[in-house]
Amino acid sequence: MPCKESRANKTPKEREANARPIHAGEYWSEWNAFRVAQRLFSNEVAEIDARRDKTNKKTFGKRTVAIRKWFNELPRSKREEAQNVAAKWNSEGAPDKDKMLM
């Protein structure tokens, strides 16, 4: 597994390629910046989620609130990157081989 530093130093194109959904079912709902950001910056989301008590089901709602707060506090450049990627994924749709299975 690559170290945390090397994951953080990826270019936007590399992040997008690694995060791109590969299954057609993931395209049923339109992609938005919030959903995309969670995939592009999954290591940051995992750090937030790690603070939650996963044995207590009542903390799941707190996870959503914490992730939304993280997203709202993202630097403009990361939010714009997520918006651009969402637009790209929505326009391109699922990979061709998965479209055949729909």
PDB file of N, CA and C in Angstrom:
ATOM      1  N   MET A   1       0.850  -1.180   0.000  1.00  0.00           N
ATOM      2  CA  MET A   1       0.000   0.000   0.000  1.00  0.00           C
ATOM      3  C   MET A   1       0.891   1.237   0.000  1.00  0.00           C
ATOM      4  N   PRO A   2       0.613   2.224  -0.859  1.00  0.00           N
ATOM      5  CA  PRO A   2       1.442   3.403  -0.902  1.00  0.00           C
ATOM      6  C   PRO A   2       1.305   4.203   0.375  1.00  0.00           C
ATOM      7  N   CYS A   3       2.375   4.895   0.712  1.00  0.00           N
ATOM      8  CA  CYS A   3       2.330   5.698   1.926  1.00  0.00           C
ATOM      9  C   CYS A   3       1.369   6.865   1.738  1.00  0.00           C
ATOM     10  N   LYS A   4       0.919   7.415   2.866  1.00  0.00           N
ATOM     11  CA  LYS A   4      -0.061   8.496   2.848  1.00  0.00           C
ATOM     12  C   LYS A   4       0.438   9.683   2.029  1.00  0.00           C
ATOM     13  N   GLU A   5       1.723   9.978   2.120  1.00  0.00           N
ATOM     14  CA  GLU A   5       2.292  11.126   1.413  1.00  0.00           C
ATOM     15  C   GLU A   5       2.188  10.962  -0.101  1.00  0.00           C
ATOM     16  N   SER A   6       2.438   9.751  -0.602  1.00  0.00           N
ATOM     17  CA  SER A   6       2.390   9.553  -2.051  1.00  0.00           C
ATOM     18  C   SER A   6       0.955   9.629  -2.567  1.00  0.00           C
ATOM     19  N   ARG A   7      -0.023   9.223  -1.750  1.00  0.00           N
ATOM     20  CA  ARG A   7      -1.418   9.334  -2.153  1.00  0.00           C
ATOM     21  C   ARG A   7      -1.831  10.798  -2.245  1.00  0.00           C
ATOM     22  N   ALA A   8      -1.321  11.608  -1.354  1.00  0.00           N
ATOM     23  CA  ALA A   8      -1.685  13.025  -1.324  1.00  0.00           C
ATOM     24  C   ALA A   8      -1.066  13.784  -2.489  1.00  0.00           C
ATOM     25  N   ASN A   9       0.009  13.266  -3.054  1.00  0.00           N
ATOM     26  CA  ASN A   9       0.723  13.967  -4.120  1.00  0.00           C
ATOM     27  C   ASN A   9       0.254  13.569  -5.520  1.00  0.00           C
ATOM     28  N   LYS A  10      -0.869  12.899  -5.631  1.00  0.00           N
ATOM     29  CA  LYS A  10      -1.376  12.510  -6.946  1.00  0.00           C
ATOM     30  C   LYS A  10      -1.925  13.724  -7.676  1.00  0.00           C
ATOM     31  N   THR A  11      -1.839  13.650  -8.984  1.00  0.00           N
ATOM     32  CA  THR A  11      -2.412  14.725  -9.801  1.00  0.00           C
ATOM     33  C   THR A  11      -3.922  14.535  -9.862  1.00  0.00           C
ATOM     34  N   PRO A  12      -4.664  15.584 -10.229  1.00  0.00           N
ATOM     35  CA  PRO A  12      -6.114  15.434 -10.361  1.00  0.00           C
ATOM     36  C   PRO A  12      -6.511  14.321 -11.340  1.00  0.00           C
ATOM     37  N   LYS A  13      -5.769  14.175 -12.428  1.00  0.00           N
ATOM     38  CA  LYS A  13      -6.068  13.105 -13.404  1.00  0.00           C
ATOM     39  C   LYS A  13      -5.881  11.727 -12.776  1.00  0.00           C
ATOM     40  N   GLU A  14      -4.817  11.563 -11.995  1.00  0.00           N
ATOM     41  CA  GLU A  14      -4.567  10.277 -11.339  1.00  0.00           C
ATOM     42  C   GLU A  14      -5.654   9.973 -10.305  1.00  0.00           C
ATOM     43  N   ARG A  15      -6.034  10.992  -9.525  1.00  0.00           N
ATOM     44  CA  ARG A  15      -7.106  10.795  -8.543  1.00  0.00           C
ATOM     45  C   ARG A  15      -8.406  10.389  -9.224  1.00  0.00           C
ATOM     46  N   GLU A  16      -8.729  11.074 -10.328  1.00  0.00           N
ATOM     47  CA  GLU A  16      -9.969  10.784 -11.057  1.00  0.00           C
ATOM     48  C   GLU A  16      -9.941   9.364 -11.616  1.00  0.00           C
ATOM     49  N   ALA A  17      -8.827   8.966 -12.187  1.00  0.00           N
ATOM     50  CA  ALA A  17      -8.713   7.617 -12.759  1.00  0.00           C
ATOM     51  C   ALA A  17      -8.859   6.545 -11.683  1.00  0.00           C
ATOM     52  N   ASN A  18      -8.272   6.769 -10.522  1.00  0.00           N
ATOM     53  CA  ASN A  18      -8.349   5.793  -9.430  1.00  0.00           C
ATOM     54  C   ASN A  18      -9.740   5.738  -8.801  1.00  0.00           C
ATOM     55  N   ALA A  19     -10.452   6.851  -8.792  1.00  0.00           N
ATOM     56  CA  ALA A  19     -11.751   6.920  -8.120  1.00  0.00           C
ATOM     57  C   ALA A  19     -12.922   6.602  -9.040  1.00  0.00           C
ATOM     58  N   ARG A  20     -12.692   6.590 -10.340  1.00  0.00           N
ATOM     59  CA  ARG A  20     -13.788   6.420 -11.299  1.00  0.00           C
ATOM     60  C   ARG A  20     -14.563   5.128 -11.049  1.00  0.00           C
ATOM     61  N   PRO A  21     -15.892   5.238 -10.962  1.00  0.00           N
ATOM     62  CA  PRO A  21     -16.711   4.041 -10.771  1.00  0.00           C
ATOM     63  C   PRO A  21     -16.643   3.141 -11.998  1.00  0.00           C
ATOM     64  N   ILE A  22     -16.606   1.854 -11.777  1.00  0.00           N
ATOM     65  CA  ILE A  22     -16.459   0.929 -12.902  1.00  0.00           C
ATOM     66  C   ILE A  22     -17.726   0.119 -13.175  1.00  0.00           C
ATOM     67  N   HIS A  23     -18.688   0.175 -12.272  1.00  0.00           N
ATOM     68  CA  HIS A  23     -19.920  -0.603 -12.433  1.00  0.00           C
ATOM     69  C   HIS A  23     -21.062   0.298 -12.880  1.00  0.00           C
ATOM     70  N   ALA A  24     -21.836  -0.178 -13.820  1.00  0.00           N
ATOM     71  CA  ALA A  24     -22.938   0.615 -14.374  1.00  0.00           C
ATOM     72  C   ALA A  24     -23.937   1.034 -13.304  1.00  0.00           C
ATOM     73  N   GLY A  25     -24.147   0.208 -12.309  1.00  0.00           N
ATOM     74  CA  GLY A  25     -25.097   0.527 -11.248  1.00  0.00           C
ATOM     75  C   GLY A  25     -24.747   1.783 -10.473  1.00  0.00           C
ATOM     76  N   GLU A  26     -23.489   2.152 -10.476  1.00  0.00           N
ATOM     77  CA  GLU A  26     -23.064   3.351  -9.755  1.00  0.00           C
ATOM     78  C   GLU A  26     -23.451   4.627 -10.496  1.00  0.00           C
ATOM     79  N   TYR A  27     -23.982   4.481 -11.691  1.00  0.00           N
ATOM     80  CA  TYR A  27     -24.372   5.636 -12.496  1.00  0.00           C
ATOM     81  C   TYR A  27     -25.882   5.863 -12.502  1.00  0.00           C
ATOM     82  N   TRP A  28     -26.645   5.070 -11.754  1.00  0.00           N
ATOM     83  CA  TRP A  28     -28.099   5.249 -11.732  1.00  0.00           C
ATOM     84  C   TRP A  28     -28.461   6.618 -11.187  1.00  0.00           C
ATOM     85  N   SER A  29     -27.778   7.045 -10.142  1.00  0.00           N
ATOM     86  CA  SER A  29     -27.984   8.382  -9.586  1.00  0.00           C
ATOM     87  C   SER A  29     -26.943   9.310 -10.185  1.00  0.00           C
ATOM     88  N   GLU A  30     -27.358  10.526 -10.479  1.00  0.00           N
ATOM     89  CA  GLU A  30     -26.420  11.495 -11.044  1.00  0.00           C
ATOM     90  C   GLU A  30     -25.327  11.809 -10.023  1.00  0.00           C
ATOM     91  N   TRP A  31     -24.112  11.923 -10.517  1.00  0.00           N
ATOM     92  CA  TRP A  31     -22.983  12.259  -9.655  1.00  0.00           C
ATOM     93  C   TRP A  31     -23.020  13.747  -9.326  1.00  0.00           C
ATOM     94  N   ASN A  32     -22.726  14.078  -8.064  1.00  0.00           N
ATOM     95  CA  ASN A  32     -22.593  15.472  -7.659  1.00  0.00           C
ATOM     96  C   ASN A  32     -21.244  15.637  -6.983  1.00  0.00           C
ATOM     97  N   ALA A  33     -20.871  16.857  -6.718  1.00  0.00           N
ATOM     98  CA  ALA A  33     -19.545  17.139  -6.164  1.00  0.00           C
ATOM     99  C   ALA A  33     -19.329  16.443  -4.824  1.00  0.00           C
ATOM    100  N   PHE A  34     -20.361  16.359  -4.002  1.00  0.00           N
ATOM    101  CA  PHE A  34     -20.235  15.726  -2.685  1.00  0.00           C
ATOM    102  C   PHE A  34     -19.898  14.240  -2.816  1.00  0.00           C
ATOM    103  N   ARG A  35     -20.635  13.525  -3.655  1.00  0.00           N
ATOM    104  CA  ARG A  35     -20.371  12.093  -3.858  1.00  0.00           C
ATOM    105  C   ARG A  35     -18.987  11.871  -4.454  1.00  0.00           C
ATOM    106  N   VAL A  36     -18.627  12.681  -5.425  1.00  0.00           N
ATOM    107  CA  VAL A  36     -17.334  12.523  -6.095  1.00  0.00           C
ATOM    108  C   VAL A  36     -16.189  12.822  -5.131  1.00  0.00           C
ATOM    109  N   ALA A  37     -16.324  13.879  -4.339  1.00  0.00           N
ATOM    110  CA  ALA A  37     -15.262  14.251  -3.400  1.00  0.00           C
ATOM    111  C   ALA A  37     -14.962  13.119  -2.433  1.00  0.00           C
ATOM    112  N   GLN A  38     -15.988  12.398  -2.023  1.00  0.00           N
ATOM    113  CA  GLN A  38     -15.767  11.277  -1.103  1.00  0.00           C
ATOM    114  C   GLN A  38     -14.941  10.174  -1.749  1.00  0.00           C
ATOM    115  N   ARG A  39     -15.044  10.035  -3.052  1.00  0.00           N
ATOM    116  CA  ARG A  39     -14.241   9.033  -3.768  1.00  0.00           C
ATOM    117  C   ARG A  39     -12.845   9.564  -4.074  1.00  0.00           C
ATOM    118  N   LEU A  40     -12.765  10.822  -4.514  1.00  0.00           N
ATOM    119  CA  LEU A  40     -11.467  11.401  -4.871  1.00  0.00           C
ATOM    120  C   LEU A  40     -10.547  11.510  -3.657  1.00  0.00           C
ATOM    121  N   PHE A  41     -11.108  11.874  -2.539  1.00  0.00           N
ATOM    122  CA  PHE A  41     -10.321  12.125  -1.329  1.00  0.00           C
ATOM    123  C   PHE A  41     -10.704  11.124  -0.245  1.00  0.00           C
ATOM    124  N   SER A  42     -10.790   9.864  -0.637  1.00  0.00           N
ATOM    125  CA  SER A  42     -11.254   8.810   0.270  1.00  0.00           C
ATOM    126  C   SER A  42     -10.375   8.653   1.506  1.00  0.00           C
ATOM    127  N   ASN A  43      -9.091   8.953   1.381  1.00  0.00           N
ATOM    128  CA  ASN A  43      -8.220   8.839   2.553  1.00  0.00           C
ATOM    129  C   ASN A  43      -8.611   9.856   3.621  1.00  0.00           C
ATOM    130  N   GLU A  44      -9.022  11.059   3.219  1.00  0.00           N
ATOM    131  CA  GLU A  44      -9.452  12.075   4.178  1.00  0.00           C
ATOM    132  C   GLU A  44     -10.777  11.660   4.822  1.00  0.00           C
ATOM    133  N   VAL A  45     -11.675  11.092   4.036  1.00  0.00           N
ATOM    134  CA  VAL A  45     -12.965  10.626   4.551  1.00  0.00           C
ATOM    135  C   VAL A  45     -12.737   9.480   5.538  1.00  0.00           C
ATOM    136  N   ALA A  46     -11.816   8.598   5.216  1.00  0.00           N
ATOM    137  CA  ALA A  46     -11.520   7.467   6.112  1.00  0.00           C
ATOM    138  C   ALA A  46     -10.992   7.946   7.454  1.00  0.00           C
ATOM    139  N   GLU A  47     -10.194   9.011   7.452  1.00  0.00           N
ATOM    140  CA  GLU A  47      -9.688   9.561   8.714  1.00  0.00           C
ATOM    141  C   GLU A  47     -10.830  10.091   9.574  1.00  0.00           C
ATOM    142  N   ILE A  48     -11.796  10.736   8.956  1.00  0.00           N
ATOM    143  CA  ILE A  48     -12.953  11.251   9.689  1.00  0.00           C
ATOM    144  C   ILE A  48     -13.782  10.091  10.217  1.00  0.00           C
ATOM    145  N   ASP A  49     -13.996   9.090   9.384  1.00  0.00           N
ATOM    146  CA  ASP A  49     -14.804   7.938   9.773  1.00  0.00           C
ATOM    147  C   ASP A  49     -14.136   7.129  10.884  1.00  0.00           C
ATOM    148  N   ALA A  50     -12.828   7.123  10.931  1.00  0.00           N
ATOM    149  CA  ALA A  50     -12.104   6.355  11.942  1.00  0.00           C
ATOM    150  C   ALA A  50     -12.376   6.892  13.349  1.00  0.00           C
ATOM    151  N   ARG A  51     -12.755   8.159  13.455  1.00  0.00           N
ATOM    152  CA  ARG A  51     -13.030   8.763  14.769  1.00  0.00           C
ATOM    153  C   ARG A  51     -14.381   8.327  15.336  1.00  0.00           C
ATOM    154  N   ARG A  52     -15.228   7.759  14.493  1.00  0.00           N
ATOM    155  CA  ARG A  52     -16.579   7.376  14.896  1.00  0.00           C
ATOM    156  C   ARG A  52     -16.581   6.022  15.599  1.00  0.00           C
ATOM    157  N   ASP A  53     -17.459   5.861  16.575  1.00  0.00           N
ATOM    158  CA  ASP A  53     -17.646   4.584  17.249  1.00  0.00           C
ATOM    159  C   ASP A  53     -18.506   3.700  16.354  1.00  0.00           C
ATOM    160  N   LYS A  54     -17.889   2.788  15.649  1.00  0.00           N
ATOM    161  CA  LYS A  54     -18.598   1.976  14.661  1.00  0.00           C
ATOM    162  C   LYS A  54     -19.473   0.894  15.298  1.00  0.00           C
ATOM    163  N   THR A  55     -19.333   0.671  16.590  1.00  0.00           N
ATOM    164  CA  THR A  55     -20.166  -0.321  17.260  1.00  0.00           C
ATOM    165  C   THR A  55     -21.523   0.258  17.657  1.00  0.00           C
ATOM    166  N   ASN A  56     -21.645   1.572  17.633  1.00  0.00           N
ATOM    167  CA  ASN A  56     -22.887   2.241  18.017  1.00  0.00           C
ATOM    168  C   ASN A  56     -23.609   2.726  16.757  1.00  0.00           C
ATOM    169  N   LYS A  57     -24.772   2.133  16.460  1.00  0.00           N
ATOM    170  CA  LYS A  57     -25.510   2.479  15.244  1.00  0.00           C
ATOM    171  C   LYS A  57     -25.983   3.930  15.243  1.00  0.00           C
ATOM    172  N   LYS A  58     -26.111   4.523  16.403  1.00  0.00           N
ATOM    173  CA  LYS A  58     -26.580   5.907  16.494  1.00  0.00           C
ATOM    174  C   LYS A  58     -25.548   6.900  15.972  1.00  0.00           C
ATOM    175  N   THR A  59     -24.311   6.472  15.808  1.00  0.00           N
ATOM    176  CA  THR A  59     -23.270   7.389  15.337  1.00  0.00           C
ATOM    177  C   THR A  59     -23.219   7.496  13.817  1.00  0.00           C
ATOM    178  N   PHE A  60     -24.028   6.688  13.101  1.00  0.00           N
ATOM    179  CA  PHE A  60     -23.990   6.748  11.643  1.00  0.00           C
ATOM    180  C   PHE A  60     -24.433   8.119  11.142  1.00  0.00           C
ATOM    181  N   GLY A  61     -25.455   8.688  11.724  1.00  0.00           N
ATOM    182  CA  GLY A  61     -25.909  10.027  11.342  1.00  0.00           C
ATOM    183  C   GLY A  61     -24.842  11.070  11.610  1.00  0.00           C
ATOM    184  N   LYS A  62     -24.081  10.873  12.673  1.00  0.00           N
ATOM    185  CA  LYS A  62     -22.994  11.812  12.987  1.00  0.00           C
ATOM    186  C   LYS A  62     -21.902  11.727  11.931  1.00  0.00           C
ATOM    187  N   ARG A  63     -21.717  10.546  11.354  1.00  0.00           N
ATOM    188  CA  ARG A  63     -20.730  10.387  10.279  1.00  0.00           C
ATOM    189  C   ARG A  63     -21.123  11.261   9.098  1.00  0.00           C
ATOM    190  N   THR A  64     -22.390  11.201   8.710  1.00  0.00           N
ATOM    191  CA  THR A  64     -22.863  11.984   7.576  1.00  0.00           C
ATOM    192  C   THR A  64     -22.671  13.472   7.836  1.00  0.00           C
ATOM    193  N   VAL A  65     -22.992  13.909   9.034  1.00  0.00           N
ATOM    194  CA  VAL A  65     -22.818  15.323   9.406  1.00  0.00           C
ATOM    195  C   VAL A  65     -21.339  15.705   9.337  1.00  0.00           C
ATOM    196  N   ALA A  66     -20.468  14.834   9.848  1.00  0.00           N
ATOM    197  CA  ALA A  66     -19.022  15.124   9.843  1.00  0.00           C
ATOM    198  C   ALA A  66     -18.472  15.178   8.421  1.00  0.00           C
ATOM    199  N   ILE A  67     -18.923  14.259   7.557  1.00  0.00           N
ATOM    200  CA  ILE A  67     -18.446  14.245   6.168  1.00  0.00           C
ATOM    201  C   ILE A  67     -18.958  15.477   5.440  1.00  0.00           C
ATOM    202  N   ARG A  68     -20.192  15.878   5.673  1.00  0.00           N
ATOM    203  CA  ARG A  68     -20.743  17.082   5.036  1.00  0.00           C
ATOM    204  C   ARG A  68     -19.962  18.319   5.497  1.00  0.00           C
ATOM    205  N   LYS A  69     -19.623  18.379   6.778  1.00  0.00           N
ATOM    206  CA  LYS A  69     -18.838  19.508   7.301  1.00  0.00           C
ATOM    207  C   LYS A  69     -17.458  19.542   6.632  1.00  0.00           C
ATOM    208  N   TRP A  70     -16.836  18.367   6.514  1.00  0.00           N
ATOM    209  CA  TRP A  70     -15.531  18.278   5.842  1.00  0.00           C
ATOM    210  C   TRP A  70     -15.642  18.800   4.419  1.00  0.00           C
ATOM    211  N   PHE A  71     -16.690  18.372   3.705  1.00  0.00           N
ATOM    212  CA  PHE A  71     -16.873  18.802   2.320  1.00  0.00           C
ATOM    213  C   PHE A  71     -17.059  20.319   2.230  1.00  0.00           C
ATOM    214  N   ASN A  72     -17.858  20.874   3.109  1.00  0.00           N
ATOM    215  CA  ASN A  72     -18.107  22.317   3.086  1.00  0.00           C
ATOM    216  C   ASN A  72     -16.855  23.132   3.393  1.00  0.00           C
ATOM    217  N   GLU A  73     -15.906  22.525   4.088  1.00  0.00           N
ATOM    218  CA  GLU A  73     -14.666  23.219   4.448  1.00  0.00           C
ATOM    219  C   GLU A  73     -13.508  22.919   3.489  1.00  0.00           C
ATOM    220  N   LEU A  74     -13.761  22.136   2.447  1.00  0.00           N
ATOM    221  CA  LEU A  74     -12.712  21.843   1.465  1.00  0.00           C
ATOM    222  C   LEU A  74     -12.244  23.122   0.786  1.00  0.00           C
ATOM    223  N   PRO A  75     -10.972  23.188   0.432  1.00  0.00           N
ATOM    224  CA  PRO A  75     -10.495  24.340  -0.340  1.00  0.00           C
ATOM    225  C   PRO A  75     -11.234  24.412  -1.679  1.00  0.00           C
ATOM    226  N   ARG A  76     -11.363  25.609  -2.190  1.00  0.00           N
ATOM    227  CA  ARG A  76     -12.080  25.839  -3.455  1.00  0.00           C
ATOM    228  C   ARG A  76     -11.548  24.950  -4.578  1.00  0.00           C
ATOM    229  N   SER A  77     -10.233  24.769  -4.631  1.00  0.00           N
ATOM    230  CA  SER A  77      -9.646  23.975  -5.721  1.00  0.00           C
ATOM    231  C   SER A  77     -10.132  22.526  -5.681  1.00  0.00           C
ATOM    232  N   LYS A  78     -10.252  21.944  -4.490  1.00  0.00           N
ATOM    233  CA  LYS A  78     -10.720  20.561  -4.377  1.00  0.00           C
ATOM    234  C   LYS A  78     -12.204  20.464  -4.711  1.00  0.00           C
ATOM    235  N   ARG A  79     -12.988  21.450  -4.293  1.00  0.00           N
ATOM    236  CA  ARG A  79     -14.420  21.428  -4.608  1.00  0.00           C
ATOM    237  C   ARG A  79     -14.634  21.567  -6.114  1.00  0.00           C
ATOM    238  N   GLU A  80     -13.858  22.442  -6.748  1.00  0.00           N
ATOM    239  CA  GLU A  80     -13.964  22.609  -8.202  1.00  0.00           C
ATOM    240  C   GLU A  80     -13.547  21.330  -8.922  1.00  0.00           C
ATOM    241  N   GLU A  81     -12.499  20.688  -8.425  1.00  0.00           N
ATOM    242  CA  GLU A  81     -12.063  19.418  -9.020  1.00  0.00           C
ATOM    243  C   GLU A  81     -13.197  18.394  -8.936  1.00  0.00           C
ATOM    244  N   ALA A  82     -13.851  18.305  -7.791  1.00  0.00           N
ATOM    245  CA  ALA A  82     -14.962  17.363  -7.620  1.00  0.00           C
ATOM    246  C   ALA A  82     -16.125  17.718  -8.547  1.00  0.00           C
ATOM    247  N   GLN A  83     -16.427  18.991  -8.693  1.00  0.00           N
ATOM    248  CA  GLN A  83     -17.509  19.410  -9.594  1.00  0.00           C
ATOM    249  C   GLN A  83     -17.187  19.053 -11.040  1.00  0.00           C
ATOM    250  N   ASN A  84     -15.952  19.278 -11.444  1.00  0.00           N
ATOM    251  CA  ASN A  84     -15.540  18.967 -12.815  1.00  0.00           C
ATOM    252  C   ASN A  84     -15.595  17.461 -13.086  1.00  0.00           C
ATOM    253  N   VAL A  85     -15.150  16.678 -12.122  1.00  0.00           N
ATOM    254  CA  VAL A  85     -15.166  15.228 -12.283  1.00  0.00           C
ATOM    255  C   VAL A  85     -16.614  14.726 -12.323  1.00  0.00           C
ATOM    256  N   ALA A  86     -17.482  15.286 -11.491  1.00  0.00           N
ATOM    257  CA  ALA A  86     -18.892  14.887 -11.499  1.00  0.00           C
ATOM    258  C   ALA A  86     -19.505  15.154 -12.871  1.00  0.00           C
ATOM    259  N   ALA A  87     -19.227  16.311 -13.425  1.00  0.00           N
ATOM    260  CA  ALA A  87     -19.750  16.644 -14.753  1.00  0.00           C
ATOM    261  C   ALA A  87     -19.225  15.662 -15.800  1.00  0.00           C
ATOM    262  N   LYS A  88     -17.953  15.310 -15.703  1.00  0.00           N
ATOM    263  CA  LYS A  88     -17.343  14.374 -16.653  1.00  0.00           C
ATOM    264  C   LYS A  88     -17.989  12.998 -16.540  1.00  0.00           C
ATOM    265  N   TRP A  89     -18.128  12.493 -15.305  1.00  0.00           N
ATOM    266  CA  TRP A  89     -18.712  11.168 -15.114  1.00  0.00           C
ATOM    267  C   TRP A  89     -20.163  11.138 -15.576  1.00  0.00           C
ATOM    268  N   ASN A  90     -20.898  12.212 -15.345  1.00  0.00           N
ATOM    269  CA  ASN A  90     -22.293  12.263 -15.773  1.00  0.00           C
ATOM    270  C   ASN A  90     -22.411  12.286 -17.292  1.00  0.00           C
ATOM    271  N   SER A  91     -21.494  12.986 -17.944  1.00  0.00           N
ATOM    272  CA  SER A  91     -21.577  13.073 -19.407  1.00  0.00           C
ATOM    273  C   SER A  91     -21.077  11.795 -20.089  1.00  0.00           C
ATOM    274  N   GLU A  92     -20.068  11.163 -19.534  1.00  0.00           N
ATOM    275  CA  GLU A  92     -19.501   9.957 -20.139  1.00  0.00           C
ATOM    276  C   GLU A  92     -20.263   8.699 -19.766  1.00  0.00           C
ATOM    277  N   GLY A  93     -20.824   8.658 -18.578  1.00  0.00           N
ATOM    278  CA  GLY A  93     -21.559   7.485 -18.133  1.00  0.00           C
ATOM    279  C   GLY A  93     -20.653   6.312 -17.812  1.00  0.00           C
ATOM    280  N   ALA A  94     -21.272   5.164 -17.673  1.00  0.00           N
ATOM    281  CA  ALA A  94     -20.535   3.941 -17.296  1.00  0.00           C
ATOM    282  C   ALA A  94     -19.606   3.506 -18.426  1.00  0.00           C
ATOM    283  N   PRO A  95     -18.547   2.773 -18.087  1.00  0.00           N
ATOM    284  CA  PRO A  95     -17.677   2.221 -19.128  1.00  0.00           C
ATOM    285  C   PRO A  95     -18.495   1.349 -20.086  1.00  0.00           C
ATOM    286  N   ASP A  96     -18.127   1.343 -21.344  1.00  0.00           N
ATOM    287  CA  ASP A  96     -18.902   0.655 -22.378  1.00  0.00           C
ATOM    288  C   ASP A  96     -19.191  -0.801 -22.078  1.00  0.00           C
ATOM    289  N   LYS A  97     -18.243  -1.545 -21.535  1.00  0.00           N
ATOM    290  CA  LYS A  97     -18.481  -2.964 -21.289  1.00  0.00           C
ATOM    291  C   LYS A  97     -19.588  -3.164 -20.252  1.00  0.00           C
ATOM    292  N   ASP A  98     -19.731  -2.223 -19.296  1.00  0.00           N
ATOM    293  CA  ASP A  98     -20.790  -2.351 -18.290  1.00  0.00           C
ATOM    294  C   ASP A  98     -22.142  -1.906 -18.838  1.00  0.00           C
ATOM    295  N   LYS A  99     -22.154  -1.008 -19.824  1.00  0.00           N
ATOM    296  CA  LYS A  99     -23.411  -0.567 -20.404  1.00  0.00           C
ATOM    297  C   LYS A  99     -24.151  -1.727 -21.058  1.00  0.00           C
ATOM    298  N   MET A 100     -23.399  -2.680 -21.547  1.00  0.00           N
ATOM    299  CA  MET A 100     -23.997  -3.838 -22.212  1.00  0.00           C
ATOM    300  C   MET A 100     -24.772  -4.703 -21.211  1.00  0.00           C
ATOM    301  N   LEU A 101     -24.413  -4.631 -19.919  1.00  0.00           N
ATOM    302  CA  LEU A 101     -25.048  -5.458 -18.921  1.00  0.00           C
ATOM    303  C   LEU A 101     -26.307  -4.833 -18.327  1.00  0.00           C
ATOM    304  N   MET A 102     -26.573  -3.586 -18.656  1.00  0.00           N
ATOM    305  CA  MET A 102     -27.725  -2.893 -18.062  1.00  0.00           C
ATOM    306  C   MET A 102     -29.026  -3.372 -18.624  1.00  0.00           C
TER     307      MET A 102
END
